[in-house]
């Protein structure tokens, strides 16, 4: 089973999630996670442990904040993961929401509260030591308008690192990597 983990203020129905769903069909789930980091991680851990207890293979694809979650979970459970323009220090990048009463979801314009305590809770999942860098493919685009790709490139330099010129935070042309991802997971 592949779990697609969306980014901050997104959901499992976003355009990137749907592209993965079209390609991987029944092999992938694209769930919409709670906006509270501890609840999101707990939800993912329950799904992963349920699958592993049934002797199923689990693979992760995470984008942005979902890449941060994927990094933590893949390291914890020794899973393969693909990280797409991942946040590596989200407590720094999400500070722009300090003092904002409500954050708007990109998919349906619903609004949610994201507090300083939520930002601080992300530090509970900070990764100090990457156990098996060969379990990761990291896809970065230099023109990511939200995150500095250099932070991820430095932190994840021991993974299979692919850095493209241009692009965006959404990772333009992600479909070009579907076969590579499929081969990475299943071979």
Protein backbone atom coordinates (compact mmCIF):
# COMPACT_ATOMS: atom_id res chain seq x y z
CA UNK A 1 0.00 0.00 0.00
CA UNK A 2 1.15 3.51 -0.83
CA UNK A 3 0.08 6.38 1.40
CA UNK A 4 0.11 9.85 -0.16
CA UNK A 5 0.62 12.50 2.52
CA UNK A 6 -0.44 15.99 1.48
CA UNK A 7 1.07 19.28 2.53
CA UNK A 8 -0.03 22.04 4.88
CA UNK A 9 -3.54 23.44 4.25
CA UNK A 10 -4.14 20.86 1.54
CA UNK A 11 -6.04 17.57 1.43
CA UNK A 12 -6.20 14.14 -0.15
CA UNK A 13 -8.31 15.52 -3.00
CA UNK A 14 -5.72 18.01 -4.30
CA UNK A 15 -4.49 17.91 -7.88
CA UNK A 16 -1.19 16.18 -7.08
CA UNK A 17 -2.94 13.56 -4.96
CA UNK A 18 -5.36 12.89 -7.80
CA UNK A 19 -2.52 12.47 -10.32
CA UNK A 20 -0.97 9.83 -8.06
CA UNK A 21 -4.40 8.20 -7.59
CA UNK A 22 -4.89 7.97 -11.37
CA UNK A 23 -1.51 6.30 -11.85
CA UNK A 24 -1.38 3.97 -8.83
CA UNK A 25 -5.14 3.31 -8.68
CA UNK A 26 -6.03 0.83 -5.90
CA UNK A 27 -2.44 0.69 -4.61
CA UNK A 28 -2.60 4.17 -3.08
CA UNK A 29 -4.67 5.97 -0.49
CA UNK A 30 -4.82 9.76 -0.53
CA UNK A 31 -6.35 10.60 2.83
CA UNK A 32 -7.15 14.07 4.16
CA UNK A 33 -5.29 14.47 7.43
CA UNK A 34 -6.16 16.53 10.49
CA UNK A 35 -4.48 19.95 10.53
CA UNK A 36 -3.15 19.37 14.05
CA UNK A 37 0.31 17.76 13.65
CA UNK A 38 0.02 15.30 16.57
CA UNK A 39 -3.32 14.04 15.25
CA UNK A 40 -1.99 13.75 11.70
CA UNK A 41 0.99 11.68 12.84
CA UNK A 42 -1.22 9.52 15.09
CA UNK A 43 -3.61 8.86 12.19
CA UNK A 44 -0.75 7.86 9.90
CA UNK A 45 0.86 5.66 12.56
CA UNK A 46 -2.42 3.79 13.03
CA UNK A 47 -2.74 3.13 9.29
CA UNK A 48 0.91 2.08 8.97
CA UNK A 49 0.81 -0.23 12.00
CA UNK A 50 -2.48 -1.78 10.88
CA UNK A 51 -0.98 -2.57 7.47
CA UNK A 52 2.34 -3.80 8.82
CA UNK A 53 0.53 -6.07 11.29
CA UNK A 54 -1.19 -7.65 8.29
CA UNK A 55 2.25 -8.19 6.69
CA UNK A 56 1.53 -5.64 3.98
CA UNK A 57 4.30 -3.48 2.53
CA UNK A 58 3.79 0.21 3.13
CA UNK A 59 5.34 3.01 1.06
CA UNK A 60 5.03 6.75 1.57
CA UNK A 61 4.85 9.71 -0.79
CA UNK A 62 4.89 13.06 0.96
CA UNK A 63 4.75 16.60 -0.34
CA UNK A 64 5.89 19.68 1.61
CA UNK A 65 4.72 19.19 5.24
CA UNK A 66 3.66 15.71 4.12
CA UNK A 67 7.30 15.18 3.14
CA UNK A 68 8.31 16.09 6.69
CA UNK A 69 5.80 13.60 8.08
CA UNK A 70 6.97 10.96 5.58
CA UNK A 71 10.58 11.48 6.56
CA UNK A 72 9.78 10.95 10.24
CA UNK A 73 7.51 7.93 9.67
CA UNK A 74 9.69 6.18 7.10
CA UNK A 75 12.66 6.53 9.42
CA UNK A 76 10.65 5.24 12.41
CA UNK A 77 9.15 2.22 10.61
CA UNK A 78 12.00 1.58 8.11
CA UNK A 79 9.82 2.26 5.06
CA UNK A 80 10.62 3.50 1.57
CA UNK A 81 9.49 7.05 0.89
CA UNK A 82 9.47 9.65 -1.86
CA UNK A 83 9.78 13.21 -0.60
CA UNK A 84 8.52 15.97 -2.90
CA UNK A 85 9.79 19.47 -2.07
CA UNK A 86 9.73 18.42 1.59
CA UNK A 87 9.68 20.79 4.53
CA UNK A 88 12.64 19.88 6.73
CA UNK A 89 12.23 22.63 9.34
CA UNK A 90 8.48 23.35 9.23
CA UNK A 91 8.48 25.16 12.57
CA UNK A 92 10.51 27.86 10.78
CA UNK A 93 8.50 28.07 7.57
CA UNK A 94 5.10 27.98 9.27
CA UNK A 95 5.88 30.97 11.49
CA UNK A 96 4.28 33.13 8.78
CA UNK A 97 0.96 31.96 10.26
CA UNK A 98 1.76 33.35 13.72
CA UNK A 99 -0.99 35.72 14.74
CA UNK A 100 -3.22 34.68 11.83
CA UNK A 101 -6.62 33.88 13.27
CA UNK A 102 -7.54 31.27 10.64
CA UNK A 103 -5.69 29.57 7.79
CA UNK A 104 -7.53 28.85 4.55
CA UNK A 105 -7.45 25.36 3.03
CA UNK A 106 -6.26 25.46 -0.60
CA UNK A 107 -8.76 22.83 -1.74
CA UNK A 108 -12.13 24.04 -0.48
CA UNK A 109 -11.41 27.42 1.15
CA UNK A 110 -12.50 26.11 4.55
CA UNK A 111 -10.72 27.76 7.44
CA UNK A 112 -8.91 26.29 10.42
CA UNK A 113 -6.95 27.45 13.42
CA UNK A 114 -3.20 26.79 13.48
CA UNK A 115 -1.59 28.01 16.67
CA UNK A 116 1.92 28.50 17.98
CA UNK A 117 1.52 25.29 20.00
CA UNK A 118 0.79 23.41 16.75
CA UNK A 119 3.93 24.88 15.19
CA UNK A 120 6.00 23.98 18.26
CA UNK A 121 4.61 20.42 18.30
CA UNK A 122 6.28 19.76 14.94
CA UNK A 123 9.63 19.74 16.75
CA UNK A 124 8.56 16.44 18.35
CA UNK A 125 9.11 14.84 14.94
CA UNK A 126 12.45 16.44 14.14
CA UNK A 127 14.81 13.90 12.64
CA UNK A 128 18.35 13.94 13.98
CA UNK A 129 19.65 10.79 12.31
CA UNK A 130 18.55 9.30 8.99
CA UNK A 131 18.90 5.53 9.52
CA UNK A 132 18.63 4.26 5.94
CA UNK A 133 19.07 7.03 3.35
CA UNK A 134 18.75 4.43 0.58
CA UNK A 135 15.05 4.19 1.52
CA UNK A 136 14.41 7.70 0.17
CA UNK A 137 14.09 9.53 -3.10
CA UNK A 138 14.03 13.30 -2.66
CA UNK A 139 12.61 15.40 -5.50
CA UNK A 140 13.32 19.13 -5.38
CA UNK A 141 12.69 22.04 -7.72
CA UNK A 142 14.86 25.13 -7.33
CA UNK A 143 12.05 27.63 -7.95
CA UNK A 144 9.97 26.38 -5.01
CA UNK A 145 8.32 29.64 -3.94
CA UNK A 146 7.45 28.38 -0.44
CA UNK A 147 10.49 26.45 0.79
CA UNK A 148 14.23 26.95 0.28
CA UNK A 149 15.21 23.82 -1.64
CA UNK A 150 18.78 24.15 -0.30
CA UNK A 151 17.66 23.23 3.22
CA UNK A 152 16.27 19.91 2.02
CA UNK A 153 19.21 19.33 -0.34
CA UNK A 154 21.66 19.68 2.55
CA UNK A 155 19.65 17.70 5.11
CA UNK A 156 18.82 14.91 2.65
CA UNK A 157 22.06 14.81 0.66
CA UNK A 158 22.57 11.11 1.42
CA UNK A 159 19.23 10.13 -0.13
CA UNK A 160 18.73 9.69 -3.86
CA UNK A 161 18.54 13.41 -4.49
CA UNK A 162 17.10 14.86 -7.68
CA UNK A 163 17.22 18.64 -8.01
CA UNK A 164 15.65 20.30 -11.03
CA UNK A 165 16.05 23.86 -12.24
CA UNK A 166 12.86 25.88 -12.37
CA UNK A 167 9.60 24.39 -11.21
CA UNK A 168 7.46 25.37 -8.25
CA UNK A 169 6.42 24.26 -4.79
CA UNK A 170 3.79 22.00 -6.36
CA UNK A 171 6.59 20.25 -8.29
CA UNK A 172 5.79 20.85 -11.94
CA UNK A 173 5.61 17.70 -14.04
CA UNK A 174 5.56 15.19 -11.18
CA UNK A 175 4.05 12.64 -13.59
CA UNK A 176 7.49 12.25 -15.19
CA UNK A 177 8.58 10.39 -12.04
CA UNK A 178 5.69 7.96 -11.66
CA UNK A 179 7.50 5.04 -13.31
CA UNK A 180 10.65 5.71 -11.29
CA UNK A 181 8.61 5.81 -8.08
CA UNK A 182 6.81 2.60 -9.02
CA UNK A 183 10.13 0.87 -9.72
CA UNK A 184 11.66 2.20 -6.50
CA UNK A 185 8.80 0.83 -4.41
CA UNK A 186 8.26 -2.52 -6.09
CA UNK A 187 11.72 -3.65 -7.26
